[in-house]
């Protein structure tokens, strides 16, 4: 066992290296130990380091990212005396996805703060929630978490890009540390976000246009509707379109009139613009899909629009 003695922020940190988990493709997850005991601050336990990745530069970056998490939290705890913190971790490999979760447990009140690092070990890149699900990943996760939190009777805390998660059996699992949304005694609260309950439709940037100084995105109506299983009944003489799904009425609109009905025709709503025909295609504001059909939409890094249906 190799020991390295370093000085960091006036604390003495002692690391020892052991290999704790071995994964496919010669990937190893080793353990570093941390031991700080000074000025009423005790931080002890283990955190991971990776070896065996094909891309050694990316491997170094991942290990540095993990080290930075440890250093950042150590700095934070050093400003809150007295502190007694246990550091531990878990690793999960799901095909080419490797999730690393690092936990900081406050022994005095049982609060737990988790952090996660998720990587694609085949393509040597980090994975975010939106990387995994598509551009609506965070939007979808918030819908699921909000619904499940309400059913469980715990506080709803918004999912963001920094919310810790892991990947297992293709699904993602959002982690809220003990004490963050309910009593510490209940431990960590984890919400499963099913991968197969989100369905995405891509509209490339060449297939929609922006209207007015407000940059309202006008998108084709037929393509997304047919993809998601809707049908359009066009009444030529009246320029009206009735939207159905499984033979049941969903929505009604008139070309050139800013009047959109919602489900069961209960409410007539106005959106940014009326539906219009351009180059033989019917276009509606993108908000039609979110406001009337209760879907999600987002714009990805290539300016494509992603419309998503989902199940809770």
Protein backbone atom coordinates (compact mmCIF):
# COMPACT_ATOMS: atom_id res chain seq x y z
CA UNK A 1 0.00 0.00 0.00
CA UNK A 2 1.41 3.31 -1.07
CA UNK A 3 1.07 6.39 1.12
CA UNK A 4 1.45 9.96 -0.02
CA UNK A 5 1.74 12.81 2.43
CA UNK A 6 0.59 16.20 1.16
CA UNK A 7 -0.34 19.52 2.69
CA UNK A 8 -3.59 21.13 1.60
CA UNK A 9 -5.17 24.25 3.07
CA UNK A 10 -3.14 23.83 6.27
CA UNK A 11 -4.65 20.36 6.84
CA UNK A 12 -2.78 17.09 6.72
CA UNK A 13 -4.36 14.71 4.21
CA UNK A 14 -3.20 11.11 4.15
CA UNK A 15 -4.10 9.04 1.07
CA UNK A 16 -3.74 5.31 0.63
CA UNK A 17 -4.53 3.50 -2.61
CA UNK A 18 -6.41 0.24 -2.97
CA UNK A 19 -8.37 -1.24 -5.85
CA UNK A 20 -11.94 -1.76 -4.81
CA UNK A 21 -13.86 -2.60 -8.01
CA UNK A 22 -12.83 -4.07 -11.31
CA UNK A 23 -14.95 -3.50 -14.41
CA UNK A 24 -14.91 -4.68 -17.98
CA UNK A 25 -12.27 -3.52 -20.45
CA UNK A 26 -9.57 -3.44 -17.74
CA UNK A 27 -11.16 -0.47 -15.97
CA UNK A 28 -10.32 -0.31 -12.28
CA UNK A 29 -11.93 1.79 -9.58
CA UNK A 30 -9.42 2.33 -6.81
CA UNK A 31 -9.90 3.89 -3.40
CA UNK A 32 -8.08 6.86 -1.93
CA UNK A 33 -8.38 7.38 1.79
CA UNK A 34 -8.75 10.81 3.33
CA UNK A 35 -7.95 11.58 6.96
CA UNK A 36 -8.12 15.11 8.36
CA UNK A 37 -8.19 15.76 12.09
CA UNK A 38 -7.41 19.31 13.11
CA UNK A 39 -9.11 22.21 14.90
CA UNK A 40 -12.36 20.34 15.60
CA UNK A 41 -12.61 19.25 11.99
CA UNK A 42 -12.62 15.53 11.24
CA UNK A 43 -12.98 14.33 7.65
CA UNK A 44 -12.32 10.69 6.96
CA UNK A 45 -13.19 7.91 4.55
CA UNK A 46 -12.59 6.94 0.94
CA UNK A 47 -13.15 8.36 -2.51
CA UNK A 48 -12.43 6.83 -5.92
CA UNK A 49 -9.85 7.10 -8.64
CA UNK A 50 -10.01 5.47 -12.06
CA UNK A 51 -7.43 3.62 -14.08
CA UNK A 52 -7.58 1.56 -17.23
CA UNK A 53 -9.50 3.94 -19.50
CA UNK A 54 -8.41 3.81 -23.13
CA UNK A 55 -7.91 7.57 -23.24
CA UNK A 56 -5.39 8.43 -20.51
CA UNK A 57 -5.91 12.17 -20.99
CA UNK A 58 -9.64 11.83 -20.31
CA UNK A 59 -8.87 9.49 -17.40
CA UNK A 60 -6.64 12.15 -15.88
CA UNK A 61 -9.37 14.75 -16.35
CA UNK A 62 -11.94 12.54 -14.59
CA UNK A 63 -9.64 11.91 -11.63
CA UNK A 64 -8.90 15.62 -11.41
CA UNK A 65 -12.62 16.35 -11.40
CA UNK A 66 -13.09 13.93 -8.51
CA UNK A 67 -10.13 15.46 -6.64
CA UNK A 68 -11.63 18.92 -7.11
CA UNK A 69 -14.92 17.77 -5.57
CA UNK A 70 -13.03 16.55 -2.51
CA UNK A 71 -10.98 19.74 -2.24
CA UNK A 72 -14.01 21.99 -2.68
CA UNK A 73 -15.99 20.21 0.03
CA UNK A 74 -12.97 20.06 2.35
CA UNK A 75 -12.62 23.83 2.00
CA UNK A 76 -16.31 24.34 2.74
CA UNK A 77 -16.26 22.12 5.83
CA UNK A 78 -13.11 23.82 7.11
CA UNK A 79 -15.16 26.99 7.51
CA UNK A 80 -17.85 25.28 9.59
CA UNK A 81 -16.37 24.04 12.85
CA UNK A 82 -16.94 21.68 14.47
CA UNK A 83 -17.36 19.17 11.65
CA UNK A 84 -17.17 15.40 11.48
CA UNK A 85 -17.65 14.15 7.95
CA UNK A 86 -17.54 10.63 6.57
CA UNK A 87 -16.64 10.35 2.88
CA UNK A 88 -17.66 7.26 0.93
CA UNK A 89 -18.63 6.38 -2.62
CA UNK A 90 -20.41 4.00 -4.94
CA UNK A 91 -19.79 3.09 -8.59
CA UNK A 92 -22.21 1.61 -11.10
CA UNK A 93 -21.46 0.48 -14.63
CA UNK A 94 -24.35 0.17 -17.07
CA UNK A 95 -22.98 -0.99 -20.43
CA UNK A 96 -20.68 1.86 -21.55
CA UNK A 97 -21.91 4.24 -18.84
CA UNK A 98 -20.01 4.53 -15.58
CA UNK A 99 -21.55 6.44 -12.68
CA UNK A 100 -19.48 7.52 -9.70
CA UNK A 101 -21.31 8.88 -6.66
CA UNK A 102 -19.41 10.48 -3.79
CA UNK A 103 -21.18 11.04 -0.48
CA UNK A 104 -20.32 13.40 2.37
CA UNK A 105 -22.14 12.43 5.56
CA UNK A 106 -22.32 14.82 8.49
CA UNK A 107 -22.04 12.55 11.52
CA UNK A 108 -23.54 15.16 13.84
CA UNK A 109 -26.91 15.52 12.05
CA UNK A 110 -26.90 12.67 9.49
CA UNK A 111 -27.24 15.06 6.54
CA UNK A 112 -25.71 13.65 3.36
CA UNK A 113 -24.46 15.64 0.38
CA UNK A 114 -23.96 13.56 -2.79
CA UNK A 115 -22.01 14.42 -5.93
CA UNK A 116 -21.91 12.43 -9.14
CA UNK A 117 -19.61 12.04 -12.11
CA UNK A 118 -21.08 10.15 -15.06
CA UNK A 119 -18.93 9.15 -18.01
CA UNK A 120 -19.18 7.30 -21.30
CA UNK A 121 -16.18 4.95 -21.11
CA UNK A 122 -16.38 4.03 -24.79
CA UNK A 123 -16.43 7.56 -26.19
CA UNK A 124 -14.45 9.18 -23.36
CA UNK A 125 -16.87 11.95 -22.47
CA UNK A 126 -18.96 13.13 -19.57
CA UNK A 127 -22.70 12.42 -19.50
CA UNK A 128 -25.28 14.95 -18.37
CA UNK A 129 -29.00 14.32 -17.97
CA UNK A 130 -29.65 16.12 -21.26
CA UNK A 131 -26.90 14.14 -22.97
CA UNK A 132 -28.59 10.94 -21.90
CA UNK A 133 -32.23 11.75 -22.62
CA UNK A 134 -31.89 14.49 -25.21
CA UNK A 135 -32.50 18.21 -24.92
CA UNK A 136 -35.64 17.71 -22.80
CA UNK A 137 -33.90 15.48 -20.26
CA UNK A 138 -33.94 17.98 -17.40
CA UNK A 139 -37.48 19.13 -18.27
CA UNK A 140 -38.66 15.52 -18.26
CA UNK A 141 -36.82 14.72 -15.03
CA UNK A 142 -38.49 17.67 -13.32
CA UNK A 143 -41.93 16.48 -14.41
CA UNK A 144 -41.25 13.02 -12.99
CA UNK A 145 -39.62 14.22 -9.77
CA UNK A 146 -42.35 16.79 -9.11
CA UNK A 147 -45.06 14.15 -9.54
CA UNK A 148 -43.31 11.52 -7.43
CA UNK A 149 -42.34 13.99 -4.70
CA UNK A 150 -45.97 15.04 -4.39
CA UNK A 151 -47.09 11.41 -4.13
CA UNK A 152 -44.45 10.72 -1.47
CA UNK A 153 -45.26 13.83 0.53
CA UNK A 154 -41.73 15.26 0.34
CA UNK A 155 -40.55 18.65 -0.86
CA UNK A 156 -39.98 19.13 -4.57
CA UNK A 157 -36.51 20.40 -5.38
CA UNK A 158 -35.81 21.33 -8.98
CA UNK A 159 -33.51 19.12 -11.01
CA UNK A 160 -30.65 21.09 -12.56
CA UNK A 161 -27.48 20.33 -14.50
CA UNK A 162 -25.61 19.82 -11.21
CA UNK A 163 -28.15 17.51 -9.55
CA UNK A 164 -26.42 14.19 -8.81
CA UNK A 165 -27.66 11.09 -10.63
CA UNK A 166 -26.59 7.65 -11.73
CA UNK A 167 -27.49 5.34 -14.60
CA UNK A 168 -28.67 1.78 -14.03
CA UNK A 169 -30.56 -0.60 -16.31
CA UNK A 170 -30.85 2.25 -18.83
CA UNK A 171 -32.83 4.42 -16.40
CA UNK A 172 -31.43 7.39 -14.50
CA UNK A 173 -31.83 7.88 -10.77
CA UNK A 174 -31.90 11.37 -9.29
CA UNK A 175 -30.33 11.54 -5.82
CA UNK A 176 -31.36 13.96 -3.09
CA UNK A 177 -29.13 13.63 -0.05
CA UNK A 178 -30.56 12.92 3.40
CA UNK A 179 -31.91 16.15 4.87
CA UNK A 180 -32.21 18.02 1.58
CA UNK A 181 -35.93 17.47 0.87
CA UNK A 182 -37.12 15.66 4.00
CA UNK A 183 -35.91 14.56 7.42
CA UNK A 184 -32.35 13.21 7.58
CA UNK A 185 -33.62 10.07 9.31
CA UNK A 186 -35.30 8.99 6.07
CA UNK A 187 -31.92 8.80 4.34
CA UNK A 188 -31.26 9.63 0.72
CA UNK A 189 -34.31 10.05 -1.51
CA UNK A 190 -33.89 8.62 -5.00
CA UNK A 191 -36.25 9.12 -7.92
CA UNK A 192 -36.22 6.73 -10.87
CA UNK A 193 -36.49 8.45 -14.26
CA UNK A 194 -37.53 5.78 -16.81
CA UNK A 195 -35.63 5.97 -20.07
CA UNK A 196 -38.40 4.45 -22.19
CA UNK A 197 -41.09 6.86 -20.97
CA UNK A 198 -39.66 9.74 -23.00
CA UNK A 199 -40.16 9.89 -26.76
CA UNK A 200 -38.36 12.54 -28.84
CA UNK A 201 -39.09 14.05 -32.24
CA UNK A 202 -36.41 16.16 -33.92
CA UNK A 203 -37.17 19.18 -36.11
CA UNK A 204 -33.98 20.32 -37.83
CA UNK A 205 -33.21 24.02 -37.97
CA UNK A 206 -33.91 24.00 -41.73
CA UNK A 207 -37.50 22.88 -41.15
CA UNK A 208 -38.82 25.64 -38.92
CA UNK A 209 -38.71 29.44 -39.10
CA UNK A 210 -38.81 32.36 -36.72
CA UNK A 211 -41.55 34.91 -36.87
CA UNK A 212 -41.44 38.54 -35.71
CA UNK A 213 -38.98 40.36 -33.53
CA UNK A 214 -39.87 37.99 -30.70
CA UNK A 215 -38.23 35.07 -32.52
CA UNK A 216 -41.30 32.87 -32.11
CA UNK A 217 -40.52 29.49 -33.61
CA UNK A 218 -43.11 28.31 -36.13
CA UNK A 219 -42.94 24.54 -36.61
CA UNK A 220 -44.66 22.15 -39.03
CA UNK A 221 -47.75 20.57 -37.55
CA UNK A 222 -48.18 17.30 -39.43
CA UNK A 223 -44.78 15.63 -38.88
CA UNK A 224 -44.71 15.73 -35.06
CA UNK A 225 -48.40 14.89 -34.79
CA UNK A 226 -48.12 11.79 -36.95
CA UNK A 227 -44.95 10.68 -35.17
CA UNK A 228 -46.73 10.81 -31.80
CA UNK A 229 -49.78 8.95 -33.07
CA UNK A 230 -52.18 11.81 -33.76
CA UNK A 231 -54.26 12.23 -36.89
CA UNK A 232 -55.35 15.45 -38.65
CA UNK A 233 -58.76 15.90 -40.21
CA UNK A 234 -58.68 18.80 -42.66
CA UNK A 235 -61.96 20.52 -43.63
CA UNK A 236 -61.02 22.38 -46.80
CA UNK A 237 -63.95 24.76 -47.11
CA UNK A 238 -63.55 26.05 -43.58
CA UNK A 239 -59.75 25.87 -43.34
CA UNK A 240 -60.12 23.98 -40.09
CA UNK A 241 -58.08 21.13 -38.66
CA UNK A 242 -59.34 18.70 -36.04
CA UNK A 243 -56.70 16.75 -34.14
CA UNK A 244 -57.56 13.22 -32.98
CA UNK A 245 -55.75 10.48 -31.11
CA UNK A 246 -57.07 6.93 -31.04
CA UNK A 247 -60.21 8.31 -32.64
CA UNK A 248 -60.85 10.77 -29.82
CA UNK A 249 -60.97 14.55 -30.14
CA UNK A 250 -57.89 16.38 -28.88
CA UNK A 251 -57.78 19.85 -30.40
CA UNK A 252 -59.29 22.14 -33.02
CA UNK A 253 -57.75 25.04 -34.91
CA UNK A 254 -58.54 27.37 -37.79
CA UNK A 255 -55.93 28.61 -40.27
CA UNK A 256 -55.44 32.36 -39.82
CA UNK A 257 -57.30 32.55 -36.48
CA UNK A 258 -55.47 32.77 -33.18
CA UNK A 259 -57.92 30.50 -31.40
CA UNK A 260 -56.72 27.10 -30.22
CA UNK A 261 -58.91 24.65 -28.32
CA UNK A 262 -57.47 22.37 -25.70
CA UNK A 263 -58.51 18.82 -24.90
CA UNK A 264 -62.25 18.21 -25.15
CA UNK A 265 -62.67 21.74 -26.57
CA UNK A 266 -63.15 23.09 -23.05
CA UNK A 267 -60.97 26.22 -23.35
CA UNK A 268 -60.17 28.40 -26.34
CA UNK A 269 -56.69 29.82 -26.05
CA UNK A 270 -54.54 32.32 -27.87
CA UNK A 271 -50.88 31.61 -28.57
CA UNK A 272 -48.26 33.93 -30.05
CA UNK A 273 -49.63 33.58 -33.60
CA UNK A 274 -52.40 31.93 -35.54
CA UNK A 275 -51.68 28.76 -37.52
CA UNK A 276 -50.59 29.53 -41.06
CA UNK A 277 -49.76 27.77 -44.30
CA UNK A 278 -46.34 28.18 -45.88
CA UNK A 279 -45.10 26.26 -48.91
CA UNK A 280 -48.09 23.96 -48.64
CA UNK A 281 -47.47 23.06 -44.97
CA UNK A 282 -49.34 24.09 -41.86
CA UNK A 283 -47.20 25.77 -39.19
CA UNK A 284 -48.04 26.60 -35.58
CA UNK A 285 -46.06 28.24 -32.77
CA UNK A 286 -43.94 25.70 -30.92
CA UNK A 287 -45.97 26.56 -27.81
CA UNK A 288 -48.89 24.65 -29.37
CA UNK A 289 -47.18 21.40 -28.41
CA UNK A 290 -46.46 22.46 -24.82
CA UNK A 291 -49.59 24.50 -24.07
CA UNK A 292 -52.23 22.51 -25.94
CA UNK A 293 -50.79 18.99 -26.25
CA UNK A 294 -48.88 19.13 -22.94
CA UNK A 295 -45.55 18.02 -24.40
CA UNK A 296 -42.04 19.30 -23.79
CA UNK A 297 -39.80 21.19 -26.17
CA UNK A 298 -36.24 22.44 -26.15
CA UNK A 299 -33.59 23.64 -28.57
CA UNK A 300 -30.38 21.63 -28.70
CA UNK A 301 -26.83 22.86 -29.33
CA UNK A 302 -27.30 22.64 -33.11
CA UNK A 303 -30.49 24.77 -32.97
CA UNK A 304 -32.70 21.78 -33.72
CA UNK A 305 -36.01 21.67 -31.87
CA UNK A 306 -36.74 18.57 -29.82
CA UNK A 307 -40.40 17.89 -29.04
CA UNK A 308 -40.99 15.18 -26.47
CA UNK A 309 -43.96 13.22 -25.18
CA UNK A 310 -43.61 11.58 -21.80
CA UNK A 311 -45.32 9.35 -19.27
CA UNK A 312 -45.23 9.90 -15.52
